[in-house]
Structure formats: C-alpha cells, structure tokens
C-alpha cells in the first residue's frame, strides 16, 4: 500500500532558508576578498618603500647625494623629488610605473618620491579600508 501523505523532498520554506544562508555566506566571502585585496596592495606598497629606503640610504652613503630626478612636486611647502630608479641597483617594484614620464607630477602619478630627509612616499597612494596611504 502506498502512503500518500509521506513527507519526502524539500519544502518551500527550507529551500528559502538554504538560499538565504548561501547569500549570506557568499556576501561575507566577497567582502573578505575585497578587504584582503586592499591589504595586499598596501603590503606591496610597504615592501616597495622599505626596498627604496634601503637602496636610497646605500646610494646616499656612497655618493653623498639623494638619488633623485629633476622632477619635483611641492606639497604644503615641502619639496619632494621623484626617485631616480636608474641610479639604484636591484630594484624591482610593484608600483611606480610612471617613472621617467615627461608630464608634470600630480597626486595621481604612479611614482615614488623622496624628500631631503630621505623619507620615501608613494605619490598616488594605496587605498586600504577607505583610507589612502602614501607612506609607512
């Protein structure tokens, strides 16, 4: 004899609950991926700046001058120079792809800068969690 009232299968309510749980999980995953991308870009910028700090200091100690190009930008009365990457040995950077371009430096320029105190800055900056970082 066949039981017509047997409860086999998924009810509509349980199906809706599964879809809601999957949406929450996928939203959390997408958000964590977006946050990790910002952290990854920030970590790449830190690695570049640390490398440039080391190489700039070595160059300064050897030649008693800052490895800079003639391109400069003035921010709040302080002059920053583009780092001359050709003067530094063994430098491979994640950013700084606008190095040596002929146009005027602006806040959107993808270059690294150095000041008279040998502090290194990434002019374009990297956004992490809604904040734009230019230095470490």
N, C-alpha and C. Protein backbone atom coordinates (compact mmCIF):
# COMPACT_ATOMS: atom_id res chain seq x y z
N UNK A 1 0.81 -1.15 0.00
CA UNK A 1 0.00 0.00 0.00
C UNK A 1 0.88 1.25 0.00
N UNK A 2 0.51 2.25 -0.75
CA UNK A 2 1.27 3.49 -0.92
C UNK A 2 0.72 4.53 0.04
N UNK A 3 1.65 5.15 0.76
CA UNK A 3 1.28 6.19 1.70
C UNK A 3 1.33 7.53 0.98
N UNK A 4 0.21 8.16 0.73
CA UNK A 4 0.13 9.42 0.00
C UNK A 4 0.64 10.58 0.85
N UNK A 5 0.54 10.53 2.12
CA UNK A 5 0.94 11.63 3.00
C UNK A 5 2.41 11.56 3.42
N UNK A 6 3.24 10.75 2.74
CA UNK A 6 4.65 10.68 3.12
C UNK A 6 5.33 12.03 2.84
N UNK A 7 6.21 12.45 3.72
CA UNK A 7 6.85 13.77 3.61
C UNK A 7 8.27 13.60 3.09
N UNK A 8 8.36 13.43 1.80
CA UNK A 8 9.66 13.32 1.16
C UNK A 8 9.91 14.60 0.36
N UNK A 9 11.21 15.01 0.27
CA UNK A 9 11.55 16.18 -0.52
C UNK A 9 11.78 17.40 0.36
N UNK A 10 11.98 18.53 -0.30
CA UNK A 10 12.29 19.78 0.38
C UNK A 10 11.08 20.69 0.32
N UNK A 11 10.75 21.27 1.46
CA UNK A 11 9.62 22.19 1.47
C UNK A 11 10.09 23.56 0.97
N UNK A 12 9.18 24.38 0.61
CA UNK A 12 9.48 25.72 0.10
C UNK A 12 10.20 26.55 1.16
N UNK A 13 9.80 26.44 2.39
CA UNK A 13 10.42 27.22 3.47
C UNK A 13 11.88 26.79 3.67
N UNK A 14 12.15 25.50 3.67
CA UNK A 14 13.54 25.06 3.85
C UNK A 14 14.40 25.47 2.65
N UNK A 15 13.83 25.50 1.46
CA UNK A 15 14.56 25.95 0.27
C UNK A 15 14.91 27.43 0.37
N UNK A 16 13.98 28.24 0.84
CA UNK A 16 14.23 29.68 1.02
C UNK A 16 15.31 29.89 2.07
N UNK A 17 15.27 29.11 3.15
CA UNK A 17 16.29 29.24 4.19
C UNK A 17 17.68 28.89 3.65
N UNK A 18 17.78 27.88 2.84
CA UNK A 18 19.07 27.49 2.24
C UNK A 18 19.60 28.61 1.34
N UNK A 19 18.73 29.19 0.53
CA UNK A 19 19.13 30.29 -0.36
C UNK A 19 19.61 31.49 0.45
N UNK A 20 18.92 31.82 1.52
CA UNK A 20 19.32 32.95 2.37
C UNK A 20 20.69 32.69 3.00
N UNK A 21 20.91 31.49 3.50
CA UNK A 21 22.20 31.14 4.10
C UNK A 21 23.32 31.23 3.05
N UNK A 22 23.08 30.75 1.86
CA UNK A 22 24.08 30.82 0.79
C UNK A 22 24.39 32.26 0.40
N UNK A 23 23.37 33.12 0.37
CA UNK A 23 23.60 34.53 0.05
C UNK A 23 24.45 35.21 1.13
N UNK A 24 24.17 34.90 2.38
CA UNK A 24 24.96 35.47 3.48
C UNK A 24 26.41 35.02 3.40
N UNK A 25 26.62 33.73 3.15
CA UNK A 25 27.98 33.21 3.04
C UNK A 25 28.74 33.80 1.86
N UNK A 26 28.07 33.93 0.73
CA UNK A 26 28.75 34.49 -0.45
C UNK A 26 29.05 35.98 -0.25
N UNK A 27 28.15 36.70 0.40
CA UNK A 27 28.41 38.11 0.69
C UNK A 27 29.59 38.30 1.62
N UNK A 28 29.69 37.45 2.62
CA UNK A 28 30.83 37.51 3.55
C UNK A 28 32.13 37.19 2.83
N UNK A 29 32.11 36.21 1.95
CA UNK A 29 33.30 35.83 1.20
C UNK A 29 33.75 36.96 0.28
N UNK A 30 32.82 37.56 -0.42
CA UNK A 30 33.16 38.66 -1.34
C UNK A 30 33.73 39.83 -0.55
N UNK A 31 33.15 40.16 0.58
CA UNK A 31 33.66 41.26 1.40
C UNK A 31 35.07 40.97 1.90
N UNK A 32 35.33 39.76 2.36
CA UNK A 32 36.67 39.43 2.85
C UNK A 32 37.69 39.46 1.72
N UNK A 33 37.28 39.08 0.51
CA UNK A 33 38.20 39.17 -0.63
C UNK A 33 38.52 40.62 -0.95
N UNK A 34 37.54 41.50 -0.90
CA UNK A 34 37.78 42.92 -1.14
C UNK A 34 38.71 43.51 -0.10
N UNK A 35 38.55 43.13 1.16
CA UNK A 35 39.42 43.65 2.22
C UNK A 35 40.83 43.11 2.06
N UNK A 36 40.96 41.85 1.68
CA UNK A 36 42.30 41.29 1.52
C UNK A 36 43.01 41.91 0.33
N UNK A 37 42.28 42.29 -0.71
CA UNK A 37 42.92 42.96 -1.85
C UNK A 37 43.50 44.30 -1.43
N UNK A 38 42.79 45.05 -0.63
CA UNK A 38 43.31 46.32 -0.14
C UNK A 38 44.55 46.09 0.72
N UNK A 39 44.51 45.06 1.55
CA UNK A 39 45.66 44.75 2.40
C UNK A 39 46.84 44.29 1.54
N UNK A 40 46.56 43.55 0.48
CA UNK A 40 47.63 43.10 -0.41
C UNK A 40 48.31 44.26 -1.11
N UNK A 41 47.52 45.21 -1.60
CA UNK A 41 48.10 46.38 -2.25
C UNK A 41 48.90 47.20 -1.25
N UNK A 42 48.38 47.34 -0.05
CA UNK A 42 49.08 48.08 1.00
C UNK A 42 50.41 47.41 1.34
N UNK A 43 50.39 46.09 1.49
CA UNK A 43 51.62 45.35 1.79
C UNK A 43 52.64 45.46 0.66
N UNK A 44 52.17 45.48 -0.59
CA UNK A 44 53.08 45.67 -1.73
C UNK A 44 53.72 47.04 -1.67
N UNK A 45 52.94 48.06 -1.31
CA UNK A 45 53.49 49.41 -1.21
C UNK A 45 54.53 49.47 -0.09
N UNK A 46 54.26 48.84 1.05
CA UNK A 46 55.21 48.82 2.15
C UNK A 46 56.51 48.15 1.72
N UNK A 47 56.39 47.04 1.01
CA UNK A 47 57.59 46.33 0.54
C UNK A 47 58.41 47.22 -0.40
N UNK A 48 57.72 47.93 -1.31
CA UNK A 48 58.41 48.86 -2.21
C UNK A 48 59.13 49.96 -1.44
N UNK A 49 58.45 50.55 -0.48
CA UNK A 49 59.03 51.67 0.28
C UNK A 49 60.23 51.19 1.09
N UNK A 50 60.12 50.03 1.72
CA UNK A 50 61.25 49.51 2.50
C UNK A 50 62.45 49.25 1.60
N UNK A 51 62.22 48.67 0.43
CA UNK A 51 63.30 48.44 -0.52
C UNK A 51 63.93 49.76 -0.95
N UNK A 52 63.09 50.73 -1.28
CA UNK A 52 63.60 52.03 -1.71
C UNK A 52 64.34 52.75 -0.58
N UNK A 53 63.87 52.61 0.66
CA UNK A 53 64.57 53.21 1.79
C UNK A 53 65.99 52.65 1.91
N UNK A 54 66.09 51.33 1.81
CA UNK A 54 67.40 50.69 1.91
C UNK A 54 68.32 51.12 0.77
N UNK A 55 67.80 51.07 -0.45
CA UNK A 55 68.61 51.41 -1.62
C UNK A 55 68.98 52.89 -1.65
N UNK A 56 68.06 53.76 -1.23
CA UNK A 56 68.33 55.20 -1.20
C UNK A 56 69.40 55.51 -0.16
N UNK A 57 69.33 54.89 0.99
CA UNK A 57 70.33 55.10 2.03
C UNK A 57 71.71 54.61 1.58
N UNK A 58 71.76 53.45 0.94
CA UNK A 58 73.03 52.95 0.41
C UNK A 58 73.61 53.92 -0.62
N UNK A 59 72.76 54.40 -1.51
CA UNK A 59 73.20 55.35 -2.53
C UNK A 59 73.71 56.64 -1.89
N UNK A 60 72.98 57.15 -0.92
CA UNK A 60 73.37 58.40 -0.25
C UNK A 60 74.70 58.23 0.48
N UNK A 61 74.88 57.10 1.16
CA UNK A 61 76.13 56.86 1.87
C UNK A 61 77.32 56.72 0.91
N UNK A 62 77.07 56.20 -0.27
CA UNK A 62 78.14 56.00 -1.25
C UNK A 62 78.49 57.29 -2.00
N UNK A 63 77.47 58.07 -2.43
CA UNK A 63 77.69 59.24 -3.29
C UNK A 63 77.44 60.57 -2.59
N UNK A 64 76.94 60.54 -1.36
CA UNK A 64 76.62 61.74 -0.60
C UNK A 64 75.62 62.66 -1.31
N UNK A 65 74.68 62.06 -2.00
CA UNK A 65 73.59 62.80 -2.64
C UNK A 65 72.36 61.91 -2.73
N UNK A 66 71.22 62.53 -2.85
CA UNK A 66 69.94 61.81 -2.95
C UNK A 66 69.76 61.35 -4.39
N UNK A 67 69.37 60.09 -4.60
CA UNK A 67 69.12 59.60 -5.96
C UNK A 67 67.79 60.13 -6.49
N UNK A 68 67.81 61.32 -7.07
CA UNK A 68 66.57 61.97 -7.49
C UNK A 68 66.69 62.44 -8.93
N UNK A 69 65.53 62.61 -9.56
CA UNK A 69 65.48 63.20 -10.89
C UNK A 69 65.24 64.70 -10.72
N UNK A 70 65.15 65.40 -11.82
CA UNK A 70 64.87 66.84 -11.74
C UNK A 70 63.38 67.12 -11.55
N UNK A 71 62.55 66.10 -11.63
CA UNK A 71 61.11 66.28 -11.44
C UNK A 71 60.79 66.41 -9.97
N UNK A 72 60.09 67.47 -9.60
CA UNK A 72 59.72 67.64 -8.21
C UNK A 72 58.28 68.08 -8.09
N UNK A 73 57.77 67.87 -6.89
CA UNK A 73 56.41 68.31 -6.58
C UNK A 73 56.47 68.98 -5.22
N UNK A 74 55.76 70.09 -5.07
CA UNK A 74 55.73 70.85 -3.83
C UNK A 74 54.38 70.61 -3.16
N UNK A 75 54.41 70.05 -1.96
CA UNK A 75 53.20 69.79 -1.20
C UNK A 75 53.34 70.49 0.14
N UNK A 76 52.46 71.44 0.40
CA UNK A 76 52.47 72.20 1.65
C UNK A 76 53.84 72.82 1.95
N UNK A 77 54.48 73.31 0.92
CA UNK A 77 55.76 73.99 1.09
C UNK A 77 56.96 73.09 1.20
N UNK A 78 56.76 71.79 1.08
CA UNK A 78 57.87 70.83 1.14
C UNK A 78 58.11 70.27 -0.26
N UNK A 79 59.39 70.25 -0.67
CA UNK A 79 59.73 69.73 -1.99
C UNK A 79 60.03 68.24 -1.90
N UNK A 80 59.38 67.50 -2.79
CA UNK A 80 59.61 66.07 -2.92
C UNK A 80 60.11 65.82 -4.34
N UNK A 81 61.12 64.98 -4.47
CA UNK A 81 61.69 64.65 -5.77
C UNK A 81 61.33 63.23 -6.16
N UNK A 82 61.17 63.03 -7.44
CA UNK A 82 60.98 61.68 -7.95
C UNK A 82 62.29 60.92 -7.75
N UNK A 83 62.20 59.70 -7.27
CA UNK A 83 63.40 58.88 -7.08
C UNK A 83 63.88 58.42 -8.45
N UNK A 84 65.17 58.58 -8.71
CA UNK A 84 65.77 58.12 -9.97
C UNK A 84 66.09 56.64 -9.83
N UNK A 85 65.20 55.80 -10.34
CA UNK A 85 65.34 54.36 -10.19
C UNK A 85 66.54 53.81 -10.94
N UNK A 86 67.01 54.52 -11.96
CA UNK A 86 68.17 54.05 -12.72
C UNK A 86 69.45 54.15 -11.91
N UNK A 87 69.47 54.99 -10.89
CA UNK A 87 70.65 55.12 -10.03
C UNK A 87 70.71 54.04 -8.95
N UNK A 88 69.62 53.36 -8.74
CA UNK A 88 69.55 52.33 -7.71
C UNK A 88 69.68 50.95 -8.34
N UNK A 89 70.47 50.09 -7.72
CA UNK A 89 70.70 48.75 -8.26
C UNK A 89 69.75 47.74 -7.61
N UNK A 90 69.30 46.79 -8.40
CA UNK A 90 68.50 45.69 -7.88
C UNK A 90 67.13 46.10 -7.37
N UNK A 91 66.47 47.01 -8.06
CA UNK A 91 65.16 47.48 -7.62
C UNK A 91 64.08 46.96 -8.56
N UNK A 92 63.19 46.14 -8.02
CA UNK A 92 62.00 45.69 -8.74
C UNK A 92 60.80 46.08 -7.89
N UNK A 93 59.94 46.93 -8.44
CA UNK A 93 58.84 47.50 -7.67
C UNK A 93 57.49 46.99 -8.13
N UNK A 94 56.52 46.99 -7.20
CA UNK A 94 55.13 46.66 -7.53
C UNK A 94 54.43 47.86 -8.16
N UNK A 95 54.83 49.06 -7.76
CA UNK A 95 54.22 50.29 -8.24
C UNK A 95 55.33 51.19 -8.78
N UNK A 96 54.97 52.40 -9.19
CA UNK A 96 55.97 53.33 -9.71
C UNK A 96 56.14 53.22 -11.21
N UNK A 97 55.09 52.84 -11.90
CA UNK A 97 55.17 52.61 -13.34
C UNK A 97 55.25 53.88 -14.17
N UNK A 98 54.99 55.05 -13.55
CA UNK A 98 55.08 56.32 -14.29
C UNK A 98 56.48 56.92 -14.22
N UNK A 99 57.44 56.17 -13.70
CA UNK A 99 58.80 56.70 -13.55
C UNK A 99 59.32 57.18 -14.91
N UNK A 100 59.88 58.40 -14.91
CA UNK A 100 60.51 58.95 -16.10
C UNK A 100 59.58 59.51 -17.14
N UNK A 101 58.28 59.53 -16.88
CA UNK A 101 57.34 60.10 -17.85
C UNK A 101 57.55 61.61 -17.93
N UNK A 102 57.23 62.19 -19.07
CA UNK A 102 57.55 63.59 -19.30
C UNK A 102 56.52 64.57 -18.75
N UNK A 103 55.38 64.10 -18.30
CA UNK A 103 54.35 65.03 -17.84
C UNK A 103 54.60 65.48 -16.40
N UNK A 104 53.93 66.54 -16.00
CA UNK A 104 54.05 67.12 -14.66
C UNK A 104 53.51 66.16 -13.62
N UNK A 105 54.17 66.07 -12.48
CA UNK A 105 53.72 65.20 -11.40
C UNK A 105 52.43 65.75 -10.79
N UNK A 106 51.51 64.85 -10.49
CA UNK A 106 50.27 65.21 -9.81
C UNK A 106 49.95 64.12 -8.80
N UNK A 107 48.91 64.30 -8.03
CA UNK A 107 48.56 63.32 -6.99
C UNK A 107 48.17 61.97 -7.56
N UNK A 108 47.89 61.89 -8.85
CA UNK A 108 47.55 60.61 -9.46
C UNK A 108 48.74 59.94 -10.15
N UNK A 109 49.93 60.56 -10.03
CA UNK A 109 51.13 59.99 -10.65
C UNK A 109 51.58 58.75 -9.89
N UNK A 110 51.90 57.71 -10.64
CA UNK A 110 52.33 56.43 -10.07
C UNK A 110 53.85 56.44 -9.93
N UNK A 111 54.37 57.24 -8.98
CA UNK A 111 55.80 57.37 -8.76
C UNK A 111 56.10 57.38 -7.27
N UNK A 112 57.36 57.10 -6.95
CA UNK A 112 57.84 57.21 -5.58
C UNK A 112 58.65 58.49 -5.46
N UNK A 113 58.48 59.15 -4.31
CA UNK A 113 59.14 60.42 -4.05
C UNK A 113 60.07 60.29 -2.86
N UNK A 114 61.06 61.19 -2.81
CA UNK A 114 61.98 61.26 -1.69
C UNK A 114 62.09 62.72 -1.29
N UNK A 115 62.18 62.96 0.04
CA UNK A 115 62.39 64.33 0.50
C UNK A 115 63.84 64.50 0.94
N UNK A 116 64.19 65.66 1.43
CA UNK A 116 65.57 65.93 1.81
C UNK A 116 66.03 65.11 3.01
N UNK A 117 65.10 64.54 3.77
CA UNK A 117 65.44 63.69 4.91
C UNK A 117 65.49 62.21 4.55
N UNK A 118 65.42 61.90 3.26
CA UNK A 118 65.43 60.54 2.73
C UNK A 118 64.20 59.74 3.11
N UNK A 119 63.08 60.41 3.37
CA UNK A 119 61.80 59.73 3.59
C UNK A 119 61.20 59.41 2.23
N UNK A 120 60.63 58.23 2.10
CA UNK A 120 60.07 57.75 0.84
C UNK A 120 58.55 57.80 0.91
N UNK A 121 57.93 58.26 -0.18
CA UNK A 121 56.47 58.36 -0.27
C UNK A 121 56.01 57.81 -1.62
N UNK A 122 54.85 57.20 -1.62
CA UNK A 122 54.20 56.78 -2.86
C UNK A 122 53.15 57.81 -3.19
N UNK A 123 53.38 58.60 -4.23
CA UNK A 123 52.55 59.77 -4.52
C UNK A 123 51.09 59.41 -4.75
N UNK A 124 50.84 58.40 -5.55
CA UNK A 124 49.45 58.02 -5.87
C UNK A 124 48.74 57.45 -4.65
N UNK A 125 49.46 56.74 -3.82
CA UNK A 125 48.88 56.15 -2.62
C UNK A 125 48.12 54.87 -2.91
N UNK A 126 47.84 54.15 -1.84
CA UNK A 126 47.10 52.89 -1.91
C UNK A 126 45.95 52.96 -0.92
N UNK A 127 44.76 52.60 -1.39
CA UNK A 127 43.58 52.63 -0.52
C UNK A 127 43.43 51.31 0.21
N UNK A 128 43.25 51.41 1.51
CA UNK A 128 43.00 50.23 2.35
C UNK A 128 41.95 50.62 3.36
N UNK A 129 40.83 49.94 3.34
CA UNK A 129 39.72 50.19 4.27
C UNK A 129 39.26 51.64 4.23
N UNK A 130 39.20 52.22 3.03
CA UNK A 130 38.69 53.56 2.86
C UNK A 130 39.68 54.68 3.15
N UNK A 131 40.93 54.33 3.52
CA UNK A 131 41.96 55.32 3.80
C UNK A 131 43.07 55.17 2.76
N UNK A 132 43.56 56.30 2.23
CA UNK A 132 44.63 56.27 1.25
C UNK A 132 45.96 56.49 1.99
N UNK A 133 46.88 55.55 1.81
CA UNK A 133 48.20 55.60 2.45
C UNK A 133 49.25 55.97 1.41
N UNK A 134 50.20 56.83 1.83
CA UNK A 134 51.29 57.23 0.95
C UNK A 134 52.65 56.85 1.52
N UNK A 135 52.68 56.46 2.78
CA UNK A 135 53.93 56.13 3.45
C UNK A 135 53.66 55.06 4.50
N UNK A 136 54.73 54.58 5.12
CA UNK A 136 54.56 53.58 6.18
C UNK A 136 54.84 54.22 7.53
